[in-house]
Amino acid sequence: MGEAGRRMLPDPFRTSIRWEKKLLPAVVVLSLLHDWKTALLFQGIPWATSLGWLVVINLFQHDGCDPSTKYAHSRNFVGRFTNWLFFNNGYHTVHHLYPGMHWTDTPRAHAKIAGRIPQKLSEPSILRFFWREYLVPRLR
């Protein structure tokens, strides 16, 4: 988040962000100094893995979408498992339209706008989408 974005936040959040920016690097350095192998195993690998997954999931949710439109800027994965696993982030159009909405409210909000989202951008399964769009074309 940039400085302009931070200024718009209430003071307790700005204070929290300042503390996090100081404490996180300190915890990482202290963990590495204490036991670098354990730190890499329990901090480094999960951190790198989660960042990689974040990039992949964002690619799936935005690849081939039209960012200039209100309802076709994101792909939605509407399956129960995907949304259970990713805290309803599969309802990605709602996530962009209402970024502050609590994740438990996104299924209802998605249901209200689902008719406006192009059908090709609603996928029942993230795994089937990955198979169809990324693996099968490479196997041919």
N, C-alpha and C. Protein backbone atom coordinates (compact mmCIF):
# COMPACT_ATOMS: atom_id res chain seq x y z
N MET A 1 0.84 -1.17 0.00
CA MET A 1 0.00 0.00 0.00
C MET A 1 0.89 1.23 0.00
N GLY A 2 0.56 2.16 -0.84
CA GLY A 2 1.34 3.39 -0.93
C GLY A 2 1.02 4.36 0.18
N GLU A 3 1.81 5.40 0.27
CA GLU A 3 1.63 6.40 1.33
C GLU A 3 0.25 7.06 1.24
N ALA A 4 -0.21 7.35 0.02
CA ALA A 4 -1.53 7.99 -0.13
C ALA A 4 -2.63 7.08 0.40
N GLY A 5 -2.53 5.79 0.14
CA GLY A 5 -3.51 4.84 0.64
C GLY A 5 -3.49 4.73 2.15
N ARG A 6 -2.29 4.74 2.72
CA ARG A 6 -2.17 4.67 4.18
C ARG A 6 -2.80 5.89 4.85
N ARG A 7 -2.66 7.06 4.24
CA ARG A 7 -3.21 8.28 4.84
C ARG A 7 -4.73 8.22 4.92
N MET A 8 -5.37 7.45 4.06
CA MET A 8 -6.82 7.35 4.07
C MET A 8 -7.33 6.39 5.16
N LEU A 9 -6.46 5.58 5.71
CA LEU A 9 -6.87 4.62 6.74
C LEU A 9 -7.06 5.30 8.08
N PRO A 10 -7.93 4.74 8.93
CA PRO A 10 -8.04 5.26 10.29
C PRO A 10 -6.71 5.10 11.03
N ASP A 11 -6.48 5.94 12.02
CA ASP A 11 -5.19 5.97 12.72
C ASP A 11 -4.77 4.61 13.29
N PRO A 12 -5.66 3.83 13.92
CA PRO A 12 -5.19 2.54 14.44
C PRO A 12 -4.59 1.63 13.36
N PHE A 13 -5.13 1.68 12.16
CA PHE A 13 -4.59 0.87 11.07
C PHE A 13 -3.23 1.39 10.62
N ARG A 14 -3.09 2.70 10.55
CA ARG A 14 -1.79 3.28 10.17
C ARG A 14 -0.72 2.90 11.19
N THR A 15 -1.08 2.96 12.46
CA THR A 15 -0.14 2.57 13.51
C THR A 15 0.23 1.10 13.39
N SER A 16 -0.76 0.27 13.13
CA SER A 16 -0.51 -1.17 12.98
C SER A 16 0.44 -1.44 11.81
N ILE A 17 0.23 -0.77 10.69
CA ILE A 17 1.10 -0.95 9.53
C ILE A 17 2.52 -0.53 9.85
N ARG A 18 2.69 0.60 10.56
CA ARG A 18 4.05 1.04 10.94
C ARG A 18 4.73 -0.01 11.81
N TRP A 19 4.02 -0.57 12.79
CA TRP A 19 4.59 -1.60 13.65
C TRP A 19 4.94 -2.86 12.86
N GLU A 20 4.04 -3.28 11.97
CA GLU A 20 4.29 -4.48 11.17
C GLU A 20 5.54 -4.31 10.31
N LYS A 21 5.71 -3.14 9.73
CA LYS A 21 6.88 -2.90 8.88
C LYS A 21 8.19 -2.95 9.66
N LYS A 22 8.13 -2.69 10.96
CA LYS A 22 9.33 -2.77 11.79
C LYS A 22 9.51 -4.16 12.38
N LEU A 23 8.42 -4.76 12.84
CA LEU A 23 8.53 -6.03 13.55
C LEU A 23 8.76 -7.23 12.63
N LEU A 24 8.12 -7.26 11.49
CA LEU A 24 8.27 -8.42 10.60
C LEU A 24 9.73 -8.65 10.20
N PRO A 25 10.42 -7.64 9.70
CA PRO A 25 11.84 -7.88 9.37
C PRO A 25 12.65 -8.29 10.60
N ALA A 26 12.35 -7.72 11.76
CA ALA A 26 13.08 -8.09 12.97
C ALA A 26 12.85 -9.55 13.33
N VAL A 27 11.61 -10.01 13.24
CA VAL A 27 11.30 -11.41 13.55
C VAL A 27 12.01 -12.35 12.56
N VAL A 28 11.99 -11.99 11.30
CA VAL A 28 12.66 -12.82 10.28
C VAL A 28 14.16 -12.90 10.57
N VAL A 29 14.79 -11.77 10.82
CA VAL A 29 16.24 -11.75 11.09
C VAL A 29 16.55 -12.54 12.36
N LEU A 30 15.79 -12.32 13.41
CA LEU A 30 16.04 -13.05 14.66
C LEU A 30 15.84 -14.55 14.49
N SER A 31 14.83 -14.93 13.73
CA SER A 31 14.60 -16.36 13.46
C SER A 31 15.78 -16.97 12.71
N LEU A 32 16.27 -16.25 11.71
CA LEU A 32 17.41 -16.75 10.93
C LEU A 32 18.66 -16.84 11.79
N LEU A 33 18.88 -15.88 12.66
CA LEU A 33 20.05 -15.91 13.54
C LEU A 33 19.95 -17.03 14.57
N HIS A 34 18.75 -17.27 15.06
CA HIS A 34 18.55 -18.30 16.08
C HIS A 34 18.76 -19.70 15.51
N ASP A 35 18.09 -19.99 14.39
CA ASP A 35 18.19 -21.33 13.78
C ASP A 35 17.76 -21.19 12.32
N TRP A 36 18.72 -20.93 11.44
CA TRP A 36 18.40 -20.61 10.06
C TRP A 36 17.73 -21.76 9.32
N LYS A 37 18.06 -23.01 9.65
CA LYS A 37 17.42 -24.14 8.96
C LYS A 37 15.94 -24.23 9.31
N THR A 38 15.62 -24.10 10.58
CA THR A 38 14.22 -24.13 11.00
C THR A 38 13.47 -22.93 10.45
N ALA A 39 14.11 -21.76 10.45
CA ALA A 39 13.47 -20.56 9.91
C ALA A 39 13.14 -20.73 8.44
N LEU A 40 14.07 -21.28 7.68
CA LEU A 40 13.79 -21.51 6.25
C LEU A 40 12.67 -22.52 6.07
N LEU A 41 12.68 -23.58 6.88
CA LEU A 41 11.66 -24.62 6.76
C LEU A 41 10.26 -24.11 7.11
N PHE A 42 10.16 -23.38 8.22
CA PHE A 42 8.85 -22.99 8.71
C PHE A 42 8.43 -21.56 8.37
N GLN A 43 9.36 -20.74 7.85
CA GLN A 43 9.01 -19.39 7.41
C GLN A 43 9.29 -19.19 5.93
N GLY A 44 10.50 -19.51 5.51
CA GLY A 44 10.90 -19.24 4.13
C GLY A 44 10.11 -20.02 3.10
N ILE A 45 10.03 -21.32 3.28
CA ILE A 45 9.32 -22.15 2.30
C ILE A 45 7.83 -21.81 2.24
N PRO A 46 7.12 -21.72 3.38
CA PRO A 46 5.70 -21.34 3.30
C PRO A 46 5.50 -19.94 2.71
N TRP A 47 6.38 -19.02 3.03
CA TRP A 47 6.26 -17.66 2.51
C TRP A 47 6.41 -17.66 0.99
N ALA A 48 7.46 -18.31 0.50
CA ALA A 48 7.69 -18.36 -0.95
C ALA A 48 6.56 -19.11 -1.66
N THR A 49 6.11 -20.20 -1.07
CA THR A 49 5.02 -20.99 -1.66
C THR A 49 3.74 -20.16 -1.74
N SER A 50 3.41 -19.46 -0.66
CA SER A 50 2.18 -18.67 -0.67
C SER A 50 2.25 -17.53 -1.68
N LEU A 51 3.41 -16.91 -1.82
CA LEU A 51 3.55 -15.85 -2.83
C LEU A 51 3.40 -16.42 -4.24
N GLY A 52 3.96 -17.59 -4.47
CA GLY A 52 3.81 -18.24 -5.78
C GLY A 52 2.35 -18.56 -6.08
N TRP A 53 1.64 -19.11 -5.09
CA TRP A 53 0.22 -19.41 -5.28
C TRP A 53 -0.58 -18.14 -5.53
N LEU A 54 -0.24 -17.07 -4.83
CA LEU A 54 -0.94 -15.81 -5.04
C LEU A 54 -0.81 -15.33 -6.48
N VAL A 55 0.37 -15.44 -7.04
CA VAL A 55 0.59 -15.03 -8.43
C VAL A 55 -0.21 -15.91 -9.38
N VAL A 56 -0.16 -17.22 -9.17
CA VAL A 56 -0.88 -18.17 -10.04
C VAL A 56 -2.39 -17.93 -9.98
N ILE A 57 -2.93 -17.81 -8.78
CA ILE A 57 -4.37 -17.60 -8.63
C ILE A 57 -4.79 -16.29 -9.28
N ASN A 58 -3.99 -15.24 -9.10
CA ASN A 58 -4.31 -13.96 -9.74
C ASN A 58 -4.26 -14.06 -11.26
N LEU A 59 -3.33 -14.83 -11.78
CA LEU A 59 -3.29 -15.05 -13.23
C LEU A 59 -4.57 -15.72 -13.69
N PHE A 60 -4.98 -16.77 -13.00
CA PHE A 60 -6.21 -17.47 -13.37
C PHE A 60 -7.42 -16.55 -13.30
N GLN A 61 -7.47 -15.67 -12.31
CA GLN A 61 -8.64 -14.83 -12.11
C GLN A 61 -8.70 -13.63 -13.06
N HIS A 62 -7.57 -13.29 -13.70
CA HIS A 62 -7.59 -12.09 -14.55
C HIS A 62 -7.17 -12.33 -16.00
N ASP A 63 -6.56 -13.45 -16.30
CA ASP A 63 -6.09 -13.73 -17.66
C ASP A 63 -7.27 -13.76 -18.65
N GLY A 64 -7.17 -12.96 -19.68
CA GLY A 64 -8.20 -12.93 -20.71
C GLY A 64 -9.43 -12.11 -20.36
N CYS A 65 -9.41 -11.41 -19.24
CA CYS A 65 -10.54 -10.58 -18.83
C CYS A 65 -10.34 -9.15 -19.32
N ASP A 66 -11.38 -8.38 -19.27
CA ASP A 66 -11.34 -7.00 -19.75
C ASP A 66 -11.35 -6.04 -18.56
N PRO A 67 -10.20 -5.50 -18.17
CA PRO A 67 -10.14 -4.65 -16.98
C PRO A 67 -10.89 -3.33 -17.11
N SER A 68 -11.31 -2.96 -18.30
CA SER A 68 -12.00 -1.70 -18.48
C SER A 68 -13.51 -1.80 -18.22
N THR A 69 -14.01 -3.00 -17.95
CA THR A 69 -15.45 -3.17 -17.74
C THR A 69 -15.77 -3.37 -16.27
N LYS A 70 -17.03 -3.19 -15.93
CA LYS A 70 -17.45 -3.31 -14.53
C LYS A 70 -17.63 -4.76 -14.10
N TYR A 71 -18.11 -5.62 -15.02
CA TYR A 71 -18.44 -6.99 -14.63
C TYR A 71 -17.63 -8.06 -15.35
N ALA A 72 -16.73 -7.69 -16.26
CA ALA A 72 -15.95 -8.68 -17.00
C ALA A 72 -14.45 -8.54 -16.73
N HIS A 73 -14.10 -7.95 -15.60
CA HIS A 73 -12.68 -7.74 -15.28
C HIS A 73 -12.06 -8.91 -14.53
N SER A 74 -12.88 -9.86 -14.08
CA SER A 74 -12.36 -10.96 -13.27
C SER A 74 -13.09 -12.25 -13.60
N ARG A 75 -12.37 -13.33 -13.46
CA ARG A 75 -12.96 -14.67 -13.60
C ARG A 75 -13.40 -15.12 -12.21
N ASN A 76 -14.56 -15.76 -12.14
CA ASN A 76 -15.11 -16.22 -10.88
C ASN A 76 -15.09 -17.74 -10.83
N PHE A 77 -14.54 -18.27 -9.76
CA PHE A 77 -14.57 -19.71 -9.53
C PHE A 77 -15.63 -19.94 -8.46
N VAL A 78 -16.75 -20.50 -8.88
CA VAL A 78 -17.93 -20.54 -8.03
C VAL A 78 -18.13 -21.87 -7.30
N GLY A 79 -17.20 -22.79 -7.47
CA GLY A 79 -17.31 -24.08 -6.80
C GLY A 79 -17.15 -23.96 -5.30
N ARG A 80 -17.80 -24.86 -4.57
CA ARG A 80 -17.77 -24.82 -3.11
C ARG A 80 -16.36 -25.06 -2.55
N PHE A 81 -15.63 -26.03 -3.11
CA PHE A 81 -14.31 -26.34 -2.58
C PHE A 81 -13.34 -25.17 -2.76
N THR A 82 -13.31 -24.62 -3.95
CA THR A 82 -12.41 -23.49 -4.22
C THR A 82 -12.71 -22.34 -3.25
N ASN A 83 -13.97 -22.03 -3.07
CA ASN A 83 -14.32 -20.91 -2.20
C ASN A 83 -14.11 -21.24 -0.73
N TRP A 84 -14.25 -22.48 -0.35
CA TRP A 84 -13.91 -22.86 1.01
C TRP A 84 -12.41 -22.68 1.23
N LEU A 85 -11.62 -23.14 0.27
CA LEU A 85 -10.17 -23.09 0.38
C LEU A 85 -9.63 -21.66 0.38
N PHE A 86 -10.23 -20.78 -0.43
CA PHE A 86 -9.72 -19.42 -0.60
C PHE A 86 -10.64 -18.35 0.02
N PHE A 87 -11.39 -18.71 1.05
CA PHE A 87 -12.23 -17.75 1.77
C PHE A 87 -13.12 -16.94 0.82
N ASN A 88 -13.78 -17.65 -0.09
CA ASN A 88 -14.73 -17.06 -1.04
C ASN A 88 -14.10 -16.05 -2.00
N ASN A 89 -12.79 -16.10 -2.16
CA ASN A 89 -12.14 -15.21 -3.11
C ASN A 89 -12.41 -15.63 -4.55
N GLY A 90 -13.01 -16.79 -4.74
CA GLY A 90 -13.42 -17.20 -6.07
C GLY A 90 -14.49 -16.28 -6.64
N TYR A 91 -15.26 -15.65 -5.77
CA TYR A 91 -16.24 -14.65 -6.20
C TYR A 91 -15.47 -13.35 -6.43
N HIS A 92 -14.65 -13.36 -7.45
CA HIS A 92 -13.64 -12.33 -7.60
C HIS A 92 -14.17 -11.00 -8.10
N THR A 93 -15.24 -11.03 -8.87
CA THR A 93 -15.84 -9.77 -9.32
C THR A 93 -16.31 -8.98 -8.11
N VAL A 94 -16.98 -9.65 -7.18
CA VAL A 94 -17.44 -9.00 -5.95
C VAL A 94 -16.24 -8.49 -5.15
N HIS A 95 -15.19 -9.28 -5.11
CA HIS A 95 -13.97 -8.87 -4.39
C HIS A 95 -13.45 -7.53 -4.92
N HIS A 96 -13.50 -7.32 -6.23
CA HIS A 96 -13.04 -6.07 -6.82
C HIS A 96 -14.05 -4.94 -6.64
N LEU A 97 -15.34 -5.26 -6.77
CA LEU A 97 -16.36 -4.22 -6.63
C LEU A 97 -16.49 -3.72 -5.20
N TYR A 98 -16.33 -4.63 -4.24
CA TYR A 98 -16.49 -4.29 -2.82
C TYR A 98 -15.31 -4.86 -2.03
N PRO A 99 -14.13 -4.26 -2.17
CA PRO A 99 -12.93 -4.84 -1.56
C PRO A 99 -12.97 -4.92 -0.04
N GLY A 100 -13.77 -4.13 0.61
CA GLY A 100 -13.84 -4.17 2.07
C GLY A 100 -14.88 -5.14 2.60
N MET A 101 -15.62 -5.79 1.71
CA MET A 101 -16.68 -6.70 2.14
C MET A 101 -16.08 -7.92 2.83
N HIS A 102 -16.71 -8.34 3.91
CA HIS A 102 -16.25 -9.53 4.62
C HIS A 102 -16.47 -10.75 3.73
N TRP A 103 -15.54 -11.67 3.78
CA TRP A 103 -15.57 -12.83 2.87
C TRP A 103 -16.82 -13.68 3.05
N THR A 104 -17.44 -13.67 4.21
CA THR A 104 -18.65 -14.48 4.41
C THR A 104 -19.86 -13.89 3.69
N ASP A 105 -19.78 -12.62 3.31
CA ASP A 105 -20.89 -11.97 2.61
C ASP A 105 -20.79 -12.05 1.09
N THR A 106 -19.64 -12.48 0.58
CA THR A 106 -19.45 -12.44 -0.88
C THR A 106 -20.33 -13.40 -1.67
N PRO A 107 -20.69 -14.59 -1.17
CA PRO A 107 -21.59 -15.44 -1.98
C PRO A 107 -22.93 -14.77 -2.26
N ARG A 108 -23.52 -14.12 -1.26
CA ARG A 108 -24.81 -13.44 -1.46
C ARG A 108 -24.65 -12.26 -2.42
N ALA A 109 -23.57 -11.51 -2.27
CA ALA A 109 -23.33 -10.38 -3.17
C ALA A 109 -23.11 -10.86 -4.59
N HIS A 110 -22.38 -11.98 -4.74
CA HIS A 110 -22.15 -12.54 -6.08
C HIS A 110 -23.48 -12.96 -6.71
N ALA A 111 -24.35 -13.57 -5.93
CA ALA A 111 -25.64 -14.03 -6.46
C ALA A 111 -26.44 -12.86 -7.02
N LYS A 112 -26.31 -11.69 -6.41
CA LYS A 112 -27.06 -10.52 -6.88
C LYS A 112 -26.56 -9.98 -8.22
N ILE A 113 -25.27 -10.18 -8.53
CA ILE A 113 -24.71 -9.63 -9.77
C ILE A 113 -24.36 -10.72 -10.79
N ALA A 114 -24.57 -11.97 -10.46
CA ALA A 114 -24.14 -13.08 -11.33
C ALA A 114 -24.70 -12.97 -12.74
N GLY A 115 -25.91 -12.46 -12.90
CA GLY A 115 -26.51 -12.32 -14.22
C GLY A 115 -25.82 -11.29 -15.10
N ARG A 116 -25.07 -10.39 -14.52
CA ARG A 116 -24.36 -9.35 -15.28
C ARG A 116 -22.96 -9.79 -15.70
N ILE A 117 -22.47 -10.85 -15.08
CA ILE A 117 -21.11 -11.33 -15.38
C ILE A 117 -21.19 -12.25 -16.60
N PRO A 118 -20.34 -12.04 -17.61
CA PRO A 118 -20.36 -12.94 -18.77
C PRO A 118 -20.19 -14.40 -18.34
N GLN A 119 -21.01 -15.26 -18.94
CA GLN A 119 -21.02 -16.68 -18.56
C GLN A 119 -19.64 -17.32 -18.65
N LYS A 120 -18.85 -16.92 -19.66
CA LYS A 120 -17.53 -17.51 -19.85
C LYS A 120 -16.57 -17.19 -18.70
N LEU A 121 -16.94 -16.23 -17.84
CA LEU A 121 -16.09 -15.86 -16.72
C LEU A 121 -16.54 -16.48 -15.40
N SER A 122 -17.48 -17.42 -15.47
CA SER A 122 -17.88 -18.16 -14.28
C SER A 122 -17.48 -19.62 -14.47
N GLU A 123 -16.59 -20.06 -13.64
CA GLU A 123 -16.05 -21.42 -13.73
C GLU A 123 -16.42 -22.20 -12.48
N PRO A 124 -16.90 -23.44 -12.64
CA PRO A 124 -17.23 -24.22 -11.46
C PRO A 124 -16.00 -24.73 -10.69
N SER A 125 -14.89 -24.92 -11.39
CA SER A 125 -13.73 -25.53 -10.74
C SER A 125 -12.43 -24.89 -11.22
N ILE A 126 -11.62 -24.47 -10.29
CA ILE A 126 -10.33 -23.89 -10.63
C ILE A 126 -9.40 -24.95 -11.22
N LEU A 127 -9.53 -26.19 -10.76
CA LEU A 127 -8.68 -27.27 -11.28
C LEU A 127 -9.04 -27.62 -12.73
N ARG A 128 -10.33 -27.69 -13.02
CA ARG A 128 -10.75 -27.97 -14.42
C ARG A 128 -10.34 -26.83 -15.33
N PHE A 129 -10.45 -25.60 -14.85
CA PHE A 129 -10.02 -24.44 -15.63
C PHE A 129 -8.53 -24.55 -15.94
N PHE A 130 -7.72 -24.83 -14.93
CA PHE A 130 -6.28 -24.98 -15.12
C PHE A 130 -5.99 -26.09 -16.13
N TRP A 131 -6.65 -27.22 -16.00
CA TRP A 131 -6.45 -28.35 -16.91
C TRP A 131 -6.80 -27.95 -18.35
N ARG A 132 -7.98 -27.35 -18.52
CA ARG A 132 -8.47 -27.00 -19.86
C ARG A 132 -7.67 -25.89 -20.51
N GLU A 133 -7.34 -24.85 -19.77
CA GLU A 133 -6.72 -23.66 -20.36
C GLU A 133 -5.20 -23.69 -20.41
N TYR A 134 -4.56 -24.42 -19.50
CA TYR A 134 -3.10 -24.36 -19.42
C TYR A 134 -2.41 -25.69 -19.69
N LEU A 135 -2.97 -26.79 -19.23
CA LEU A 135 -2.29 -28.08 -19.43
C LEU A 135 -2.61 -28.72 -20.78
N VAL A 136 -3.89 -28.86 -21.11
CA VAL A 136 -4.27 -29.54 -22.35
C VAL A 136 -3.66 -28.88 -23.58
N PRO A 137 -3.69 -27.54 -23.71
CA PRO A 137 -3.06 -26.93 -24.89
C PRO A 137 -1.57 -27.26 -25.00
N ARG A 138 -0.89 -27.41 -23.89
CA ARG A 138 0.53 -27.75 -23.90
C ARG A 138 0.79 -29.21 -24.25
N LEU A 139 -0.20 -30.07 -23.98
CA LEU A 139 -0.04 -31.50 -24.27
C LEU A 139 -0.26 -31.81 -25.74
N ARG A 140 -0.87 -30.93 -26.45
CA ARG A 140 -1.17 -31.17 -27.88
C ARG A 140 0.04 -30.96 -28.73
